[in-house]
C-alpha atoms as a PDB file:
ATOM      1  CA  MET A   1      -5.961   6.894 -22.445  1.00  0.00           C
ATOM      2  CA  SER A   2      -4.120   4.079 -24.153  1.00  0.00           C
ATOM      3  CA  ARG A   3      -5.115   2.726 -27.546  1.00  0.00           C
ATOM      4  CA  LEU A   4      -5.992  -0.593 -25.915  1.00  0.00           C
ATOM      5  CA  LEU A   5      -8.396   0.979 -23.448  1.00  0.00           C
ATOM      6  CA  ARG A   6     -10.000   3.192 -26.113  1.00  0.00           C
ATOM      7  CA  ALA A   7     -11.232  -0.096 -27.600  1.00  0.00           C
ATOM      8  CA  PHE A   8     -13.195  -0.717 -24.388  1.00  0.00           C
ATOM      9  CA  PRO A   9     -15.228   2.470 -23.662  1.00  0.00           C
ATOM     10  CA  GLU A  10     -17.796   0.488 -21.650  1.00  0.00           C
ATOM     11  CA  ILE A  11     -15.349   0.049 -18.775  1.00  0.00           C
ATOM     12  CA  GLU A  12     -13.664   3.474 -18.816  1.00  0.00           C
ATOM     13  CA  SER A  13     -15.732   4.780 -15.885  1.00  0.00           C
ATOM     14  CA  HIS A  14     -15.011   1.621 -13.874  1.00  0.00           C
ATOM     15  CA  LEU A  15     -11.285   1.917 -14.433  1.00  0.00           C
ATOM     16  CA  SER A  16     -11.377   5.617 -13.565  1.00  0.00           C
ATOM     17  CA  ALA A  17     -13.173   4.796 -10.294  1.00  0.00           C
ATOM     18  CA  LEU A  18     -10.327   2.419  -9.417  1.00  0.00           C
ATOM     19  CA  ALA A  19      -7.465   4.695 -10.472  1.00  0.00           C
ATOM     20  CA  GLY A  20      -6.559   5.731  -6.920  1.00  0.00           C
ATOM     21  CA  ALA A  21      -7.255   2.439  -5.172  1.00  0.00           C
ATOM     22  CA  PRO A  22      -4.613   1.818  -2.478  1.00  0.00           C
ATOM     23  CA  VAL A  23      -4.448  -1.949  -3.091  1.00  0.00           C
ATOM     24  CA  GLY A  24      -3.344  -4.204  -5.892  1.00  0.00           C
ATOM     25  CA  TRP A  25      -6.281  -5.168  -8.076  1.00  0.00           C
ATOM     26  CA  CYS A  26      -6.813  -6.706 -11.475  1.00  0.00           C
ATOM     27  CA  VAL A  27      -9.727  -6.947 -13.884  1.00  0.00           C
ATOM     28  CA  ALA A  28     -11.405 -10.354 -13.579  1.00  0.00           C
ATOM     29  CA  GLY A  29     -14.154 -12.320 -15.321  1.00  0.00           C
ATOM     30  CA  GLY A  30     -15.113 -11.920 -18.944  1.00  0.00           C
ATOM     31  CA  TRP A  31     -13.553  -8.476 -19.245  1.00  0.00           C
ATOM     32  CA  ALA A  32     -10.184  -9.973 -18.264  1.00  0.00           C
ATOM     33  CA  ILE A  33     -10.512 -12.426 -21.142  1.00  0.00           C
ATOM     34  CA  ASP A  34     -11.416  -9.672 -23.615  1.00  0.00           C
ATOM     35  CA  LEU A  35      -8.584  -7.425 -22.407  1.00  0.00           C
ATOM     36  CA  PHE A  36      -6.225 -10.403 -22.750  1.00  0.00           C
ATOM     37  CA  LEU A  37      -7.445 -10.917 -26.334  1.00  0.00           C
ATOM     38  CA  GLY A  38      -7.373  -7.182 -27.108  1.00  0.00           C
ATOM     39  CA  ARG A  39     -10.932  -7.125 -28.422  1.00  0.00           C
ATOM     40  CA  GLU A  40     -14.484  -7.307 -27.148  1.00  0.00           C
ATOM     41  CA  THR A  41     -15.841 -10.748 -28.006  1.00  0.00           C
ATOM     42  CA  ARG A  42     -19.251 -10.590 -26.354  1.00  0.00           C
ATOM     43  CA  VAL A  43     -21.655  -8.514 -24.275  1.00  0.00           C
ATOM     44  CA  HIS A  44     -20.758  -8.368 -20.582  1.00  0.00           C
ATOM     45  CA  ALA A  45     -23.312  -8.232 -17.762  1.00  0.00           C
ATOM     46  CA  ASP A  46     -20.903  -7.031 -15.063  1.00  0.00           C
ATOM     47  CA  PHE A  47     -17.454  -5.678 -14.251  1.00  0.00           C
ATOM     48  CA  GLU A  48     -15.322  -7.600 -11.753  1.00  0.00           C
ATOM     49  CA  ILE A  49     -11.974  -7.100 -10.127  1.00  0.00           C
ATOM     50  CA  ALA A  50      -9.919  -9.476  -7.995  1.00  0.00           C
ATOM     51  CA  ILE A  51      -8.005  -8.477  -4.864  1.00  0.00           C
ATOM     52  CA  ASP A  52      -6.190 -10.173  -2.008  1.00  0.00           C
ATOM     53  CA  ARG A  53      -8.653 -10.878   0.823  1.00  0.00           C
ATOM     54  CA  ARG A  54      -6.211  -9.244   3.239  1.00  0.00           C
ATOM     55  CA  ASP A  55      -6.778  -5.910   1.451  1.00  0.00           C
ATOM     56  CA  GLN A  56     -10.532  -5.819   2.070  1.00  0.00           C
ATOM     57  CA  GLY A  57     -10.312  -3.172   4.801  1.00  0.00           C
ATOM     58  CA  GLN A  58      -8.410  -0.781   2.564  1.00  0.00           C
ATOM     59  CA  ILE A  59     -10.772  -1.304  -0.371  1.00  0.00           C
ATOM     60  CA  ARG A  60     -13.785  -0.833   1.951  1.00  0.00           C
ATOM     61  CA  GLU A  61     -12.316   2.480   3.114  1.00  0.00           C
ATOM     62  CA  TYR A  62     -11.587   3.519  -0.476  1.00  0.00           C
ATOM     63  CA  PHE A  63     -15.239   2.953  -1.407  1.00  0.00           C
ATOM     64  CA  SER A  64     -16.612   4.428   1.851  1.00  0.00           C
ATOM     65  CA  GLY A  65     -18.925   6.836   0.016  1.00  0.00           C
ATOM     66  CA  TRP A  66     -20.372   4.081  -2.154  1.00  0.00           C
ATOM     67  CA  ARG A  67     -23.143   1.580  -1.444  1.00  0.00           C
ATOM     68  CA  CYS A  68     -21.221  -1.483  -0.266  1.00  0.00           C
ATOM     69  CA  ALA A  69     -22.654  -4.994  -0.018  1.00  0.00           C
ATOM     70  CA  LYS A  70     -21.291  -8.473   0.584  1.00  0.00           C
ATOM     71  CA  VAL A  71     -22.781 -11.529  -1.094  1.00  0.00           C
ATOM     72  CA  VAL A  72     -23.621 -14.182   1.473  1.00  0.00           C
ATOM     73  CA  PRO A  73     -24.177 -17.704   0.127  1.00  0.00           C
ATOM     74  CA  SER A  74     -27.861 -18.737   0.336  1.00  0.00           C
ATOM     75  CA  THR A  75     -28.850 -15.173   1.274  1.00  0.00           C
ATOM     76  CA  GLY A  76     -27.628 -12.824  -1.450  1.00  0.00           C
ATOM     77  CA  ALA A  77     -26.357  -9.267  -1.238  1.00  0.00           C
ATOM     78  CA  VAL A  78     -26.587  -7.636   2.198  1.00  0.00           C
ATOM     79  CA  ALA A  79     -24.945  -4.559   3.679  1.00  0.00           C
ATOM     80  CA  TRP A  80     -21.213  -4.791   4.308  1.00  0.00           C
ATOM     81  CA  GLY A  81     -20.425  -3.155   7.648  1.00  0.00           C
ATOM     82  CA  LYS A  82     -17.699  -0.498   7.656  1.00  0.00           C
ATOM     83  CA  ASP A  83     -15.372  -2.398  10.018  1.00  0.00           C
ATOM     84  CA  GLU A  84     -16.589  -5.899   9.208  1.00  0.00           C
ATOM     85  CA  VAL A  85     -13.872  -8.429   8.322  1.00  0.00           C
ATOM     86  CA  LEU A  86     -15.087 -11.003   5.827  1.00  0.00           C
ATOM     87  CA  GLU A  87     -14.001 -14.647   5.867  1.00  0.00           C
ATOM     88  CA  LEU A  88     -14.861 -17.569   3.600  1.00  0.00           C
ATOM     89  CA  PRO A  89     -17.372 -18.523   2.368  1.00  0.00           C
ATOM     90  CA  VAL A  90     -18.005 -14.816   1.638  1.00  0.00           C
ATOM     91  CA  HIS A  91     -15.829 -13.918  -1.336  1.00  0.00           C
ATOM     92  CA  GLU A  92     -17.855 -11.416  -3.372  1.00  0.00           C
ATOM     93  CA  LEU A  93     -18.520  -7.743  -2.732  1.00  0.00           C
ATOM     94  CA  HIS A  94     -20.549  -5.203  -4.670  1.00  0.00           C
ATOM     95  CA  VAL A  95     -19.917  -1.463  -4.677  1.00  0.00           C
ATOM     96  CA  GLU A  96     -22.105   1.022  -6.520  1.00  0.00           C
ATOM     97  CA  LEU A  97     -22.301   4.771  -6.988  1.00  0.00           C
ATOM     98  CA  GLY A  98     -23.932   6.828  -9.696  1.00  0.00           C
ATOM     99  CA  GLY A  99     -24.563   3.914 -12.036  1.00  0.00           C
ATOM    100  CA  ILE A 100     -21.061   2.485 -11.724  1.00  0.00           C
ATOM    101  CA  GLU A 101     -21.171  -1.034 -10.292  1.00  0.00           C
ATOM    102  CA  ILE A 102     -18.072  -3.052  -9.482  1.00  0.00           C
ATOM    103  CA  GLU A 103     -17.929  -6.604  -8.174  1.00  0.00           C
ATOM    104  CA  ILE A 104     -14.894  -7.278  -5.992  1.00  0.00           C
ATOM    105  CA  LEU A 105     -13.741 -10.873  -5.691  1.00  0.00           C
ATOM    106  CA  LEU A 106     -11.675 -11.718  -2.599  1.00  0.00           C
ATOM    107  CA  ASN A 107      -8.838 -14.151  -3.208  1.00  0.00           C
ATOM    108  CA  GLU A 108      -6.786 -16.257  -0.841  1.00  0.00           C
ATOM    109  CA  PHE A 109      -2.985 -16.011  -0.707  1.00  0.00           C
ATOM    110  CA  VAL A 110      -0.657 -17.972   1.572  1.00  0.00           C
ATOM    111  CA  ASP A 111       3.150 -17.945   1.572  1.00  0.00           C
ATOM    112  CA  GLY A 112       3.503 -16.440  -1.900  1.00  0.00           C
ATOM    113  CA  SER A 113       0.839 -18.606  -3.515  1.00  0.00           C
ATOM    114  CA  TRP A 114      -2.721 -17.996  -4.651  1.00  0.00           C
ATOM    115  CA  ILE A 115      -5.086 -20.697  -3.338  1.00  0.00           C
ATOM    116  CA  PHE A 116      -8.188 -21.733  -5.312  1.00  0.00           C
ATOM    117  CA  ARG A 117     -11.012 -21.297  -2.814  1.00  0.00           C
ATOM    118  CA  ARG A 118     -13.028 -24.175  -4.295  1.00  0.00           C
ATOM    119  CA  ASP A 119     -10.168 -26.668  -3.995  1.00  0.00           C
ATOM    120  CA  PRO A 120      -7.145 -25.693  -1.878  1.00  0.00           C
ATOM    121  CA  ARG A 121      -5.039 -28.373  -3.574  1.00  0.00           C
ATOM    122  CA  ILE A 122      -4.912 -26.010  -6.544  1.00  0.00           C
ATOM    123  CA  THR A 123      -2.425 -23.174  -6.231  1.00  0.00           C
ATOM    124  CA  ARG A 124      -0.550 -20.749  -8.464  1.00  0.00           C
ATOM    125  CA  ASP A 125       2.525 -18.685  -7.706  1.00  0.00           C
ATOM    126  CA  ALA A 126       1.284 -15.251  -6.588  1.00  0.00           C
ATOM    127  CA  GLY A 127       3.453 -13.671  -9.289  1.00  0.00           C
ATOM    128  CA  LEU A 128       1.374 -15.475 -11.928  1.00  0.00           C
ATOM    129  CA  PHE A 129      -2.000 -14.500 -10.430  1.00  0.00           C
ATOM    130  CA  SER A 130      -2.333 -11.457 -12.681  1.00  0.00           C
ATOM    131  CA  LEU A 131      -0.764 -10.193 -15.890  1.00  0.00           C
ATOM    132  CA  PRO A 132       0.193  -6.664 -16.884  1.00  0.00           C
ATOM    133  CA  LEU A 133      -1.133  -5.325 -20.154  1.00  0.00           C
ATOM    134  CA  ASP A 134       1.113  -3.292 -22.444  1.00  0.00           C
ATOM    135  CA  SER A 135      -0.934  -0.234 -21.611  1.00  0.00           C
ATOM    136  CA  GLY A 136      -3.743  -0.547 -19.129  1.00  0.00           C
ATOM    137  CA  PRO A 137      -4.779  -2.333 -15.946  1.00  0.00           C
ATOM    138  CA  ARG A 138      -3.556  -5.712 -14.777  1.00  0.00           C
ATOM    139  CA  ILE A 139      -5.848  -8.635 -15.554  1.00  0.00           C
ATOM    140  CA  LEU A 140      -6.499 -11.842 -13.681  1.00  0.00           C
ATOM    141  CA  SER A 141      -4.515 -14.491 -15.526  1.00  0.00           C
ATOM    142  CA  PRO A 142      -6.830 -16.034 -18.124  1.00  0.00           C
ATOM    143  CA  GLU A 143      -6.166 -19.601 -16.993  1.00  0.00           C
ATOM    144  CA  ILE A 144      -7.430 -18.675 -13.506  1.00  0.00           C
ATOM    145  CA  VAL A 145     -10.452 -16.874 -14.967  1.00  0.00           C
ATOM    146  CA  LEU A 146     -11.316 -20.009 -16.971  1.00  0.00           C
ATOM    147  CA  LEU A 147     -10.890 -22.285 -13.957  1.00  0.00           C
ATOM    148  CA  TYR A 148     -13.448 -20.197 -12.069  1.00  0.00           C
ATOM    149  CA  LYS A 149     -15.807 -20.102 -15.061  1.00  0.00           C
ATOM    150  CA  ALA A 150     -15.755 -23.886 -15.510  1.00  0.00           C
ATOM    151  CA  LYS A 151     -17.954 -24.476 -12.462  1.00  0.00           C
ATOM    152  CA  ILE A 152     -21.061 -22.848 -13.947  1.00  0.00           C
ATOM    153  CA  ASN A 153     -20.285 -23.516 -17.632  1.00  0.00           C
ATOM    154  CA  ARG A 154     -22.760 -21.031 -19.129  1.00  0.00           C
ATOM    155  CA  ASP A 155     -22.741 -20.083 -22.821  1.00  0.00           C
ATOM    156  CA  PRO A 156     -20.659 -16.901 -22.207  1.00  0.00           C
ATOM    157  CA  ASP A 157     -18.165 -18.962 -20.181  1.00  0.00           C
ATOM    158  CA  ARG A 158     -17.777 -21.513 -22.984  1.00  0.00           C
ATOM    159  CA  ALA A 159     -17.323 -18.639 -25.455  1.00  0.00           C
ATOM    160  CA  ASP A 160     -14.564 -17.219 -23.240  1.00  0.00           C
ATOM    161  CA  LEU A 161     -12.896 -20.636 -23.138  1.00  0.00           C
ATOM    162  CA  LEU A 162     -12.981 -21.116 -26.907  1.00  0.00           C
ATOM    163  CA  ASN A 163     -11.687 -17.583 -27.531  1.00  0.00           C
ATOM    164  CA  ALA A 164      -8.918 -17.669 -24.922  1.00  0.00           C
ATOM    165  CA  VAL A 165      -7.450 -21.176 -25.091  1.00  0.00           C
ATOM    166  CA  PRO A 166      -5.721 -20.708 -28.484  1.00  0.00           C
ATOM    167  CA  GLN A 167      -3.952 -17.626 -27.073  1.00  0.00           C
ATOM    168  CA  LEU A 168      -2.709 -19.269 -23.861  1.00  0.00           C
ATOM    169  CA  SER A 169       0.944 -20.168 -23.506  1.00  0.00           C
ATOM    170  CA  GLU A 170       1.854 -23.833 -23.164  1.00  0.00           C
ATOM    171  CA  SER A 171       2.448 -23.387 -19.417  1.00  0.00           C
ATOM    172  CA  GLN A 172      -0.927 -21.658 -18.957  1.00  0.00           C
ATOM    173  CA  ARG A 173      -2.703 -24.446 -20.842  1.00  0.00           C
ATOM    174  CA  SER A 174      -0.891 -27.141 -18.909  1.00  0.00           C
ATOM    175  CA  TRP A 175      -1.738 -25.536 -15.556  1.00  0.00           C
ATOM    176  CA  LEU A 176      -5.384 -25.099 -16.578  1.00  0.00           C
ATOM    177  CA  GLN A 177      -5.700 -28.684 -17.765  1.00  0.00           C
ATOM    178  CA  GLU A 178      -4.099 -30.108 -14.605  1.00  0.00           C
ATOM    179  CA  SER A 179      -6.206 -27.872 -12.365  1.00  0.00           C
ATOM    180  CA  MET A 180      -9.427 -28.683 -14.219  1.00  0.00           C
ATOM    181  CA  ALA A 181      -8.719 -32.421 -14.008  1.00  0.00           C
ATOM    182  CA  LEU A 182      -8.205 -32.079 -10.269  1.00  0.00           C
ATOM    183  CA  ALA A 183     -11.163 -29.794  -9.514  1.00  0.00           C
ATOM    184  CA  TYR A 184     -13.616 -31.072 -12.131  1.00  0.00           C
ATOM    185  CA  PRO A 185     -12.652 -34.611 -13.265  1.00  0.00           C
ATOM    186  CA  GLY A 186     -14.363 -35.512 -16.532  1.00  0.00           C
ATOM    187  CA  HIS A 187     -15.400 -31.913 -17.261  1.00  0.00           C
ATOM    188  CA  GLU A 188     -16.302 -31.397 -20.924  1.00  0.00           C
ATOM    189  CA  TRP A 189     -13.871 -28.467 -21.190  1.00  0.00           C
ATOM    190  CA  LEU A 190     -10.884 -30.751 -20.720  1.00  0.00           C
ATOM    191  CA  SER A 191     -11.072 -31.837 -24.348  1.00  0.00           C
ATOM    192  CA  CYS A 192     -10.886 -28.177 -25.473  1.00  0.00           C
ATOM    193  CA  ILE A 193      -7.736 -27.196 -23.598  1.00  0.00           C
END
């Protein structure tokens, strides 16, 4: 195991469970921010990955021996049928086996671009959707993670923003600021980017 990942023993079993996954995936949410920073900055309540929606059948097959659920808006987590194809607004899946729980976030891609499901005017080149780490899994690009987190704006989300923004490149910051202004005009985070 790499030195980087030894610093994150809490997610070792999650990463091991994903080691043979037949689709491209990247760590999302707060863990993506901490992996980007190279240190654990806070306690995490969950472990999330992001995948292309078009890969849902392959990931469902990969986790066929696990408890699989989809999160339906206004209803919550319900069983995810083996051959069921999920469309928006469903974008979150939960898989669980032996105490390992993974949330899978389905993402939209069209013609080489990632599309923000909450505002399709906001896009990012698919090649910038995730970042490789020197030694470890890919992570969802931190500017995309922060754009998603801005909607709820909980204390852990604000902590992720304040920790990550100083480490973003100028192009990441610019994209985040423009996207936030479009999706959430007047949002309090705009002054921090």
